[in-house]
Amino acid sequence: MTRNRNRRIKNIFIRVTFCIYGILMLSGCTSLQQTKRDGLLEISNLKTFDGIYENPFGKNSDAMYASLWNQLVLRDKLDTLDFRSARIGLKAISKNQIKATWLEGDTEKKSIILKGALKNNYFVSRHKRTIIPIPLIYGKFTNDQFQLSLNKEKQLHVDRLQNAWGWVFVFLADNDRTSSYVYSRVVD
């Protein structure tokens, strides 16, 4: 009798644990919202983004963290190329993809394919998510995403969402950051 009772309690505990875990996983899906800005350019296709843009955000010492390239690659680690002499070329290659190229002069150093969709005059990237679940012991959830828009002066606006949360045993922690940058178009 005690054995059956212990088994039922164990089964209930496991079910409750997985329900709580499921609720936590579903509630952590943050999305980047379109910012209400005046003076946005009407964008009907991705070719509107075609051009070459300045890479650094500013001239201060931490500008490499806010460089256009580091916003587009969705990585926390900095790229090793010299960001000060670089420019970033954007070229639409399909209705849902833009090729971003790291340029130094006329030389291509690196390129990546940005996948996403055009929504309300924004190119919204796909989510880059990482999930590491070990119920009741350890868990980690990260979500990175960016969106691109252009103003009337054809300056590129980049909004970036970085959302992370996790737990160790029963202790929860989270970190949400949304940032916005503007990059000037150098060449059409």
N, C-alpha and C. Protein backbone atom coordinates (compact mmCIF):
# COMPACT_ATOMS: atom_id res chain seq x y z
N MET A 1 0.82 -1.19 0.00
CA MET A 1 0.00 0.00 0.00
C MET A 1 0.87 1.27 0.00
N THR A 2 1.90 1.28 0.82
CA THR A 2 2.81 2.41 0.88
C THR A 2 3.57 2.54 -0.44
N ARG A 3 3.91 1.42 -1.05
CA ARG A 3 4.63 1.42 -2.32
C ARG A 3 3.79 2.06 -3.43
N ASN A 4 2.50 1.73 -3.52
CA ASN A 4 1.60 2.32 -4.51
C ASN A 4 1.42 3.81 -4.28
N ARG A 5 1.34 4.18 -3.02
CA ARG A 5 1.18 5.58 -2.68
C ARG A 5 2.42 6.38 -3.08
N ASN A 6 3.60 5.85 -2.80
CA ASN A 6 4.85 6.51 -3.18
C ASN A 6 4.97 6.63 -4.71
N ARG A 7 4.54 5.59 -5.40
CA ARG A 7 4.58 5.60 -6.86
C ARG A 7 3.66 6.69 -7.42
N ARG A 8 2.46 6.82 -6.86
CA ARG A 8 1.52 7.85 -7.30
C ARG A 8 2.07 9.25 -7.04
N ILE A 9 2.66 9.44 -5.86
CA ILE A 9 3.26 10.74 -5.53
C ILE A 9 4.39 11.06 -6.50
N LYS A 10 5.20 10.07 -6.81
CA LYS A 10 6.31 10.26 -7.75
C LYS A 10 5.77 10.62 -9.14
N ASN A 11 4.73 9.93 -9.61
CA ASN A 11 4.14 10.23 -10.91
C ASN A 11 3.54 11.63 -10.94
N ILE A 12 2.87 12.03 -9.88
CA ILE A 12 2.30 13.38 -9.80
C ILE A 12 3.42 14.42 -9.83
N PHE A 13 4.49 14.17 -9.09
CA PHE A 13 5.62 15.08 -9.05
C PHE A 13 6.23 15.25 -10.45
N ILE A 14 6.40 14.16 -11.16
CA ILE A 14 6.98 14.21 -12.51
C ILE A 14 6.06 14.98 -13.45
N ARG A 15 4.77 14.73 -13.39
CA ARG A 15 3.81 15.44 -14.26
C ARG A 15 3.80 16.94 -13.97
N VAL A 16 3.77 17.29 -12.70
CA VAL A 16 3.78 18.71 -12.33
C VAL A 16 5.07 19.37 -12.81
N THR A 17 6.20 18.68 -12.65
CA THR A 17 7.50 19.19 -13.09
C THR A 17 7.48 19.48 -14.58
N PHE A 18 7.00 18.53 -15.38
CA PHE A 18 6.97 18.74 -16.83
C PHE A 18 5.97 19.81 -17.23
N CYS A 19 4.88 19.96 -16.52
CA CYS A 19 3.93 21.03 -16.80
C CYS A 19 4.57 22.40 -16.54
N ILE A 20 5.24 22.52 -15.41
CA ILE A 20 5.91 23.78 -15.09
C ILE A 20 7.00 24.07 -16.12
N TYR A 21 7.76 23.07 -16.47
CA TYR A 21 8.82 23.21 -17.47
C TYR A 21 8.22 23.64 -18.82
N GLY A 22 7.12 23.04 -19.23
CA GLY A 22 6.47 23.41 -20.48
C GLY A 22 5.98 24.85 -20.47
N ILE A 23 5.40 25.28 -19.37
CA ILE A 23 4.93 26.66 -19.24
C ILE A 23 6.10 27.63 -19.33
N LEU A 24 7.20 27.33 -18.65
CA LEU A 24 8.38 28.18 -18.71
C LEU A 24 8.93 28.27 -20.13
N MET A 25 8.98 27.17 -20.84
CA MET A 25 9.51 27.17 -22.21
C MET A 25 8.62 27.98 -23.14
N LEU A 26 7.31 27.88 -23.00
CA LEU A 26 6.41 28.60 -23.88
C LEU A 26 6.37 30.09 -23.56
N SER A 27 6.61 30.46 -22.33
CA SER A 27 6.53 31.87 -21.97
C SER A 27 7.80 32.63 -22.32
N GLY A 28 8.87 31.98 -22.72
CA GLY A 28 10.13 32.65 -23.00
C GLY A 28 10.35 33.05 -24.43
N CYS A 29 9.34 32.99 -25.28
CA CYS A 29 9.51 33.29 -26.70
C CYS A 29 9.23 34.76 -26.96
N THR A 30 10.18 35.61 -26.71
CA THR A 30 10.04 37.03 -26.94
C THR A 30 10.30 37.34 -28.40
N SER A 31 9.55 38.26 -28.97
CA SER A 31 9.74 38.67 -30.36
C SER A 31 10.03 40.16 -30.42
N LEU A 32 10.74 40.55 -31.45
CA LEU A 32 11.06 41.95 -31.68
C LEU A 32 9.85 42.64 -32.29
N GLN A 33 9.46 43.76 -31.72
CA GLN A 33 8.28 44.49 -32.20
C GLN A 33 8.73 45.60 -33.16
N GLN A 34 7.92 45.89 -34.16
CA GLN A 34 8.23 46.98 -35.08
C GLN A 34 8.06 48.30 -34.33
N THR A 35 9.12 49.11 -34.38
CA THR A 35 9.14 50.39 -33.70
C THR A 35 8.36 51.40 -34.53
N LYS A 36 7.59 52.23 -33.88
CA LYS A 36 6.86 53.29 -34.59
C LYS A 36 7.81 54.47 -34.78
N ARG A 37 8.27 54.67 -36.02
CA ARG A 37 9.18 55.77 -36.34
C ARG A 37 8.56 56.65 -37.42
N ASP A 38 8.83 57.94 -37.34
CA ASP A 38 8.43 58.84 -38.41
C ASP A 38 9.50 58.80 -39.49
N GLY A 39 9.09 58.95 -40.73
CA GLY A 39 10.04 59.06 -41.81
C GLY A 39 10.61 57.76 -42.32
N LEU A 40 9.92 56.64 -42.10
CA LEU A 40 10.39 55.37 -42.65
C LEU A 40 10.08 55.29 -44.13
N LEU A 41 10.98 54.70 -44.87
CA LEU A 41 10.81 54.49 -46.29
C LEU A 41 9.86 53.33 -46.53
N GLU A 42 8.93 53.47 -47.49
CA GLU A 42 8.05 52.36 -47.86
C GLU A 42 8.89 51.31 -48.59
N ILE A 43 8.85 50.08 -48.10
CA ILE A 43 9.65 49.01 -48.68
C ILE A 43 8.72 47.92 -49.19
N SER A 44 8.75 47.71 -50.51
CA SER A 44 7.91 46.68 -51.10
C SER A 44 8.69 45.42 -51.45
N ASN A 45 10.01 45.53 -51.60
CA ASN A 45 10.85 44.34 -51.79
C ASN A 45 12.23 44.59 -51.20
N LEU A 46 12.98 43.52 -51.02
CA LEU A 46 14.27 43.60 -50.33
C LEU A 46 15.33 44.36 -51.11
N LYS A 47 15.16 44.56 -52.41
CA LYS A 47 16.15 45.29 -53.21
C LYS A 47 16.33 46.73 -52.72
N THR A 48 15.37 47.24 -52.00
CA THR A 48 15.46 48.59 -51.45
C THR A 48 16.65 48.71 -50.48
N PHE A 49 17.03 47.60 -49.84
CA PHE A 49 18.16 47.61 -48.90
C PHE A 49 19.51 47.54 -49.60
N ASP A 50 19.54 47.24 -50.92
CA ASP A 50 20.80 47.11 -51.64
C ASP A 50 21.63 48.39 -51.51
N GLY A 51 22.89 48.22 -51.14
CA GLY A 51 23.80 49.36 -51.00
C GLY A 51 24.96 48.99 -50.10
N ILE A 52 25.85 49.95 -49.90
CA ILE A 52 27.01 49.76 -49.03
C ILE A 52 26.87 50.74 -47.88
N TYR A 53 27.05 50.23 -46.65
CA TYR A 53 26.82 51.02 -45.45
C TYR A 53 28.10 51.09 -44.61
N GLU A 54 28.21 52.18 -43.85
CA GLU A 54 29.33 52.30 -42.90
C GLU A 54 29.19 51.20 -41.86
N ASN A 55 30.32 50.67 -41.42
CA ASN A 55 30.27 49.60 -40.43
C ASN A 55 30.24 50.09 -38.99
N PRO A 56 31.12 50.99 -38.55
CA PRO A 56 31.07 51.37 -37.13
C PRO A 56 29.90 52.28 -36.83
N PHE A 57 29.41 52.18 -35.60
CA PHE A 57 28.31 53.01 -35.15
C PHE A 57 28.83 54.36 -34.70
N GLY A 58 30.03 54.40 -34.15
CA GLY A 58 30.60 55.63 -33.64
C GLY A 58 32.10 55.54 -33.59
N LYS A 59 32.72 56.58 -33.09
CA LYS A 59 34.18 56.63 -33.03
C LYS A 59 34.71 56.32 -31.63
N ASN A 60 33.83 55.99 -30.69
CA ASN A 60 34.28 55.72 -29.33
C ASN A 60 34.90 54.32 -29.22
N SER A 61 35.51 54.03 -28.09
CA SER A 61 36.29 52.79 -27.93
C SER A 61 35.44 51.52 -27.98
N ASP A 62 34.16 51.60 -27.64
CA ASP A 62 33.34 50.39 -27.68
C ASP A 62 32.49 50.30 -28.95
N ALA A 63 32.88 51.05 -29.99
CA ALA A 63 32.11 51.05 -31.24
C ALA A 63 32.08 49.69 -31.90
N MET A 64 33.12 48.87 -31.69
CA MET A 64 33.13 47.55 -32.33
C MET A 64 31.98 46.68 -31.86
N TYR A 65 31.50 46.89 -30.63
CA TYR A 65 30.36 46.11 -30.13
C TYR A 65 29.08 46.49 -30.87
N ALA A 66 29.00 47.72 -31.32
CA ALA A 66 27.80 48.19 -32.01
C ALA A 66 27.99 48.25 -33.52
N SER A 67 29.05 47.64 -34.03
CA SER A 67 29.27 47.69 -35.48
C SER A 67 28.14 46.97 -36.20
N LEU A 68 27.86 47.41 -37.40
CA LEU A 68 26.79 46.82 -38.19
C LEU A 68 27.01 45.33 -38.39
N TRP A 69 28.23 44.93 -38.70
CA TRP A 69 28.53 43.51 -38.93
C TRP A 69 28.18 42.67 -37.71
N ASN A 70 28.58 43.11 -36.53
CA ASN A 70 28.32 42.34 -35.32
C ASN A 70 26.83 42.30 -34.96
N GLN A 71 26.05 43.29 -35.41
CA GLN A 71 24.60 43.23 -35.20
C GLN A 71 23.95 42.21 -36.13
N LEU A 72 24.48 42.08 -37.36
CA LEU A 72 23.88 41.19 -38.34
C LEU A 72 24.23 39.72 -38.14
N VAL A 73 25.41 39.42 -37.61
CA VAL A 73 25.81 38.02 -37.47
C VAL A 73 25.21 37.36 -36.23
N LEU A 74 24.59 38.13 -35.36
CA LEU A 74 23.92 37.60 -34.16
C LEU A 74 24.84 36.73 -33.32
N ARG A 75 26.00 37.27 -33.02
CA ARG A 75 26.94 36.57 -32.14
C ARG A 75 27.34 37.51 -31.01
N ASP A 76 27.61 36.93 -29.86
CA ASP A 76 28.09 37.75 -28.75
C ASP A 76 29.57 38.05 -28.88
N LYS A 77 30.31 37.16 -29.54
CA LYS A 77 31.75 37.36 -29.71
C LYS A 77 32.00 38.30 -30.88
N LEU A 78 33.02 39.11 -30.77
CA LEU A 78 33.35 40.06 -31.82
C LEU A 78 34.10 39.36 -32.95
N ASP A 79 33.90 39.85 -34.15
CA ASP A 79 34.63 39.34 -35.30
C ASP A 79 36.05 39.88 -35.24
N THR A 80 37.01 39.14 -35.78
CA THR A 80 38.42 39.53 -35.68
C THR A 80 38.88 40.47 -36.78
N LEU A 81 38.07 40.70 -37.80
CA LEU A 81 38.47 41.61 -38.86
C LEU A 81 38.46 43.05 -38.36
N ASP A 82 39.23 43.91 -39.03
CA ASP A 82 39.33 45.32 -38.63
C ASP A 82 38.05 46.05 -39.01
N PHE A 83 37.23 46.36 -38.04
CA PHE A 83 35.93 46.96 -38.32
C PHE A 83 36.03 48.42 -38.74
N ARG A 84 37.11 49.12 -38.41
CA ARG A 84 37.22 50.55 -38.71
C ARG A 84 37.34 50.83 -40.20
N SER A 85 38.02 49.95 -40.94
CA SER A 85 38.21 50.18 -42.38
C SER A 85 37.17 49.44 -43.22
N ALA A 86 36.24 48.79 -42.60
CA ALA A 86 35.27 47.97 -43.32
C ALA A 86 34.00 48.75 -43.66
N ARG A 87 33.36 48.27 -44.70
CA ARG A 87 32.02 48.70 -45.05
C ARG A 87 31.22 47.42 -45.28
N ILE A 88 29.92 47.53 -45.11
CA ILE A 88 29.06 46.35 -45.25
C ILE A 88 28.14 46.55 -46.45
N GLY A 89 28.23 45.61 -47.39
CA GLY A 89 27.36 45.63 -48.56
C GLY A 89 26.16 44.73 -48.33
N LEU A 90 24.98 45.23 -48.64
CA LEU A 90 23.76 44.43 -48.56
C LEU A 90 23.20 44.28 -49.97
N LYS A 91 22.80 43.05 -50.32
CA LYS A 91 22.23 42.79 -51.64
C LYS A 91 21.16 41.71 -51.50
N ALA A 92 19.96 42.02 -51.97
CA ALA A 92 18.87 41.04 -51.94
C ALA A 92 19.17 39.93 -52.93
N ILE A 93 19.05 38.67 -52.47
CA ILE A 93 19.30 37.54 -53.37
C ILE A 93 18.04 36.71 -53.60
N SER A 94 17.01 36.95 -52.82
CA SER A 94 15.70 36.31 -53.04
C SER A 94 14.67 37.15 -52.27
N LYS A 95 13.42 36.69 -52.27
CA LYS A 95 12.40 37.49 -51.57
C LYS A 95 12.49 37.36 -50.06
N ASN A 96 13.30 36.41 -49.54
CA ASN A 96 13.44 36.23 -48.09
C ASN A 96 14.90 36.21 -47.64
N GLN A 97 15.84 36.60 -48.50
CA GLN A 97 17.25 36.54 -48.13
C GLN A 97 18.01 37.77 -48.62
N ILE A 98 18.91 38.24 -47.77
CA ILE A 98 19.82 39.33 -48.10
C ILE A 98 21.24 38.82 -47.85
N LYS A 99 22.14 39.09 -48.80
CA LYS A 99 23.54 38.74 -48.61
C LYS A 99 24.25 39.95 -48.04
N ALA A 100 24.88 39.77 -46.88
CA ALA A 100 25.67 40.82 -46.24
C ALA A 100 27.14 40.48 -46.46
N THR A 101 27.91 41.45 -46.97
CA THR A 101 29.31 41.22 -47.31
C THR A 101 30.19 42.23 -46.60
N TRP A 102 31.24 41.74 -45.95
CA TRP A 102 32.26 42.57 -45.30
C TRP A 102 33.23 43.00 -46.39
N LEU A 103 33.32 44.30 -46.64
CA LEU A 103 34.18 44.83 -47.70
C LEU A 103 35.28 45.69 -47.11
N GLU A 104 36.50 45.50 -47.59
CA GLU A 104 37.61 46.41 -47.30
C GLU A 104 38.11 46.89 -48.65
N GLY A 105 37.77 48.13 -49.00
CA GLY A 105 38.01 48.62 -50.35
C GLY A 105 37.07 47.88 -51.28
N ASP A 106 37.63 47.24 -52.31
CA ASP A 106 36.82 46.42 -53.22
C ASP A 106 36.94 44.94 -52.92
N THR A 107 37.63 44.59 -51.84
CA THR A 107 37.89 43.19 -51.50
C THR A 107 36.83 42.66 -50.54
N GLU A 108 36.25 41.49 -50.92
CA GLU A 108 35.31 40.80 -50.03
C GLU A 108 36.09 40.00 -49.01
N LYS A 109 35.84 40.24 -47.73
CA LYS A 109 36.51 39.48 -46.66
C LYS A 109 35.65 38.34 -46.16
N LYS A 110 34.38 38.60 -45.96
CA LYS A 110 33.44 37.59 -45.46
C LYS A 110 32.06 37.92 -45.98
N SER A 111 31.21 36.93 -46.02
CA SER A 111 29.81 37.20 -46.33
C SER A 111 28.92 36.19 -45.61
N ILE A 112 27.70 36.61 -45.34
CA ILE A 112 26.71 35.74 -44.70
C ILE A 112 25.37 35.97 -45.39
N ILE A 113 24.50 35.00 -45.27
CA ILE A 113 23.14 35.11 -45.80
C ILE A 113 22.20 35.39 -44.63
N LEU A 114 21.47 36.48 -44.72
CA LEU A 114 20.49 36.86 -43.70
C LEU A 114 19.13 36.35 -44.16
N LYS A 115 18.52 35.50 -43.36
CA LYS A 115 17.21 34.93 -43.69
C LYS A 115 16.15 35.59 -42.83
N GLY A 116 15.02 35.90 -43.46
CA GLY A 116 13.94 36.54 -42.73
C GLY A 116 12.76 36.80 -43.63
N ALA A 117 11.99 37.82 -43.29
CA ALA A 117 10.80 38.16 -44.06
C ALA A 117 10.56 39.66 -43.98
N LEU A 118 9.95 40.20 -45.01
CA LEU A 118 9.58 41.60 -45.05
C LEU A 118 8.21 41.76 -44.38
N LYS A 119 8.16 42.56 -43.30
CA LYS A 119 6.92 42.78 -42.55
C LYS A 119 6.79 44.27 -42.21
N ASN A 120 5.76 44.90 -42.70
CA ASN A 120 5.47 46.30 -42.36
C ASN A 120 6.67 47.22 -42.55
N ASN A 121 7.32 47.16 -43.71
CA ASN A 121 8.48 47.99 -44.06
C ASN A 121 9.75 47.64 -43.27
N TYR A 122 9.79 46.48 -42.65
CA TYR A 122 10.96 45.98 -41.93
C TYR A 122 11.37 44.64 -42.51
N PHE A 123 12.67 44.39 -42.58
CA PHE A 123 13.17 43.04 -42.84
C PHE A 123 13.44 42.45 -41.46
N VAL A 124 12.66 41.44 -41.09
CA VAL A 124 12.76 40.84 -39.76
C VAL A 124 13.46 39.49 -39.90
N SER A 125 14.59 39.34 -39.20
CA SER A 125 15.36 38.09 -39.30
C SER A 125 14.65 36.95 -38.59
N ARG A 126 15.04 35.75 -38.96
CA ARG A 126 14.56 34.58 -38.22
C ARG A 126 15.18 34.60 -36.84
N HIS A 127 14.47 34.02 -35.90
CA HIS A 127 14.99 33.90 -34.54
C HIS A 127 16.19 32.95 -34.55
N LYS A 128 17.19 33.28 -33.78
CA LYS A 128 18.29 32.34 -33.53
C LYS A 128 18.13 31.94 -32.06
N ARG A 129 17.63 30.72 -31.85
CA ARG A 129 17.32 30.27 -30.50
C ARG A 129 18.24 29.13 -30.07
N THR A 130 18.54 29.12 -28.80
CA THR A 130 19.28 28.03 -28.19
C THR A 130 18.52 27.60 -26.95
N ILE A 131 18.28 26.30 -26.85
CA ILE A 131 17.55 25.76 -25.70
C ILE A 131 18.35 24.60 -25.14
N ILE A 132 18.66 24.67 -23.85
CA ILE A 132 19.34 23.57 -23.15
C ILE A 132 18.48 23.20 -21.94
N PRO A 133 17.68 22.12 -22.03
CA PRO A 133 16.81 21.77 -20.91
C PRO A 133 17.28 20.52 -20.15
N ILE A 134 17.43 20.66 -18.87
CA ILE A 134 17.61 19.52 -17.97
C ILE A 134 16.66 19.81 -16.81
N PRO A 135 15.45 19.20 -16.83
CA PRO A 135 14.41 19.57 -15.86
C PRO A 135 14.88 19.55 -14.41
N LEU A 136 14.53 20.62 -13.72
CA LEU A 136 14.79 20.84 -12.29
C LEU A 136 16.27 20.97 -11.93
N ILE A 137 17.18 20.80 -12.87
CA ILE A 137 18.60 20.92 -12.55
C ILE A 137 19.20 22.15 -13.22
N TYR A 138 19.10 22.21 -14.54
CA TYR A 138 19.71 23.30 -15.28
C TYR A 138 18.91 23.55 -16.55
N GLY A 139 18.78 24.79 -16.93
CA GLY A 139 18.11 25.11 -18.18
C GLY A 139 18.57 26.46 -18.67
N LYS A 140 18.61 26.62 -19.98
CA LYS A 140 19.03 27.88 -20.58
C LYS A 140 18.24 28.08 -21.86
N PHE A 141 17.76 29.31 -22.06
CA PHE A 141 17.03 29.67 -23.26
C PHE A 141 17.57 31.00 -23.73
N THR A 142 18.02 31.09 -24.99
CA THR A 142 18.45 32.36 -25.56
C THR A 142 17.73 32.60 -26.87
N ASN A 143 17.49 33.85 -27.17
CA ASN A 143 16.81 34.25 -28.39
C ASN A 143 17.48 35.52 -28.90
N ASP A 144 17.97 35.49 -30.15
CA ASP A 144 18.56 36.66 -30.81
C ASP A 144 17.79 36.93 -32.08
N GLN A 145 17.57 38.20 -32.37
CA GLN A 145 16.85 38.58 -33.57
C GLN A 145 17.16 40.04 -33.89
N PHE A 146 17.11 40.40 -35.18
CA PHE A 146 17.26 41.80 -35.56
C PHE A 146 16.22 42.14 -36.63
N GLN A 147 16.02 43.44 -36.84
CA GLN A 147 15.18 43.89 -37.93
C GLN A 147 15.83 45.13 -38.55
N LEU A 148 15.66 45.26 -39.86
CA LEU A 148 16.24 46.37 -40.62
C LEU A 148 15.13 47.24 -41.17
N SER A 149 15.36 48.55 -41.19
CA SER A 149 14.45 49.49 -41.85
C SER A 149 15.30 50.62 -42.41
N LEU A 150 14.71 51.41 -43.30
CA LEU A 150 15.38 52.56 -43.90
C LEU A 150 14.57 53.81 -43.65
N ASN A 151 15.26 54.93 -43.39
CA ASN A 151 14.54 56.19 -43.29
C ASN A 151 14.58 56.89 -44.66
N LYS A 152 13.98 58.06 -44.76
CA LYS A 152 13.89 58.78 -46.03
C LYS A 152 15.28 59.15 -46.58
N GLU A 153 16.27 59.32 -45.71
CA GLU A 153 17.64 59.63 -46.14
C GLU A 153 18.42 58.36 -46.50
N LYS A 154 17.73 57.22 -46.52
CA LYS A 154 18.30 55.90 -46.82
C LYS A 154 19.37 55.48 -45.82
N GLN A 155 19.20 55.92 -44.56
CA GLN A 155 20.04 55.42 -43.48
C GLN A 155 19.42 54.13 -42.97
N LEU A 156 20.26 53.15 -42.69
CA LEU A 156 19.82 51.84 -42.24
C LEU A 156 19.63 51.86 -40.72
N HIS A 157 18.44 51.47 -40.28
CA HIS A 157 18.15 51.33 -38.85
C HIS A 157 18.18 49.84 -38.52
N VAL A 158 18.88 49.48 -37.45
CA VAL A 158 18.93 48.10 -36.99
C VAL A 158 18.44 48.06 -35.56
N ASP A 159 17.39 47.28 -35.33
CA ASP A 159 16.89 47.03 -33.97
C ASP A 159 17.26 45.60 -33.64
N ARG A 160 17.84 45.37 -32.46
CA ARG A 160 18.29 44.03 -32.10
C ARG A 160 17.73 43.64 -30.75
N LEU A 161 17.23 42.41 -30.68
CA LEU A 161 16.70 41.83 -29.45
C LEU A 161 17.63 40.72 -28.99
N GLN A 162 18.03 40.77 -27.74
CA GLN A 162 18.79 39.70 -27.11
C GLN A 162 18.07 39.34 -25.82
N ASN A 163 17.52 38.15 -25.78
CA ASN A 163 16.75 37.69 -24.64
C ASN A 163 17.36 36.39 -24.15
N ALA A 164 17.63 36.30 -22.86
CA ALA A 164 18.19 35.06 -22.30
C ALA A 164 17.64 34.86 -20.89
N TRP A 165 17.33 33.63 -20.58
CA TRP A 165 16.94 33.29 -19.21
C TRP A 165 17.29 31.83 -18.95
N GLY A 166 17.34 31.49 -17.70
CA GLY A 166 17.68 30.13 -17.35
C GLY A 166 17.48 29.87 -15.87
N TRP A 167 17.84 28.68 -15.47
CA TRP A 167 17.71 28.31 -14.06
C TRP A 167 18.76 27.28 -13.70
N VAL A 168 19.13 27.32 -12.45
CA VAL A 168 19.97 26.29 -11.85
C VAL A 168 19.22 25.86 -10.61
N PHE A 169 18.85 24.60 -10.58
CA PHE A 169 17.96 24.06 -9.57
C PHE A 169 16.66 24.85 -9.59
N VAL A 170 16.35 25.61 -8.59
CA VAL A 170 15.08 26.31 -8.56
C VAL A 170 15.26 27.81 -8.78
N PHE A 171 16.48 28.30 -8.91
CA PHE A 171 16.74 29.73 -9.03
C PHE A 171 16.65 30.16 -10.49
N LEU A 172 15.81 31.17 -10.75
CA LEU A 172 15.62 31.69 -12.09
C LEU A 172 16.37 33.00 -12.27
N ALA A 173 16.81 33.26 -13.50
CA ALA A 173 17.45 34.53 -13.84
C ALA A 173 17.14 34.84 -15.30
N ASP A 174 17.12 36.15 -15.63
CA ASP A 174 16.90 36.51 -17.02
C ASP A 174 17.64 37.79 -17.36
N ASN A 175 17.78 38.04 -18.66
CA ASN A 175 18.45 39.23 -19.16
C ASN A 175 17.84 39.57 -20.51
N ASP A 176 17.21 40.73 -20.61
CA ASP A 176 16.61 41.18 -21.86
C ASP A 176 17.28 42.48 -22.29
N ARG A 177 17.68 42.55 -23.57
CA ARG A 177 18.25 43.78 -24.11
C ARG A 177 17.67 44.01 -25.50
N THR A 178 17.20 45.21 -25.71
CA THR A 178 16.80 45.63 -27.04
C THR A 178 17.59 46.88 -27.35
N SER A 179 18.26 46.91 -28.51
CA SER A 179 19.06 48.06 -28.87
C SER A 179 18.71 48.49 -30.28
N SER A 180 19.00 49.76 -30.58
CA SER A 180 18.68 50.32 -31.88
C SER A 180 19.86 51.15 -32.36
N TYR A 181 20.24 50.99 -33.66
CA TYR A 181 21.38 51.69 -34.24
C TYR A 181 21.01 52.24 -35.60
N VAL A 182 21.74 53.27 -36.05
CA VAL A 182 21.55 53.86 -37.37
C VAL A 182 22.89 53.85 -38.10
N TYR A 183 22.88 53.41 -39.38
CA TYR A 183 24.09 53.34 -40.19
C TYR A 183 23.85 54.08 -41.50
N SER A 184 24.79 54.93 -41.90
CA SER A 184 24.65 55.72 -43.13
C SER A 184 24.98 54.89 -44.36
N ARG A 185 24.22 55.11 -45.42
CA ARG A 185 24.49 54.47 -46.69
C ARG A 185 25.61 55.24 -47.37
N VAL A 186 26.64 54.55 -47.83
CA VAL A 186 27.78 55.18 -48.47
C VAL A 186 27.60 55.16 -49.98
N VAL A 187 27.17 54.03 -50.53
CA VAL A 187 27.01 53.87 -51.97
C VAL A 187 25.69 53.16 -52.22
N ASP A 188 24.95 53.58 -53.25
CA ASP A 188 23.72 52.89 -53.64
C ASP A 188 24.04 51.68 -54.48
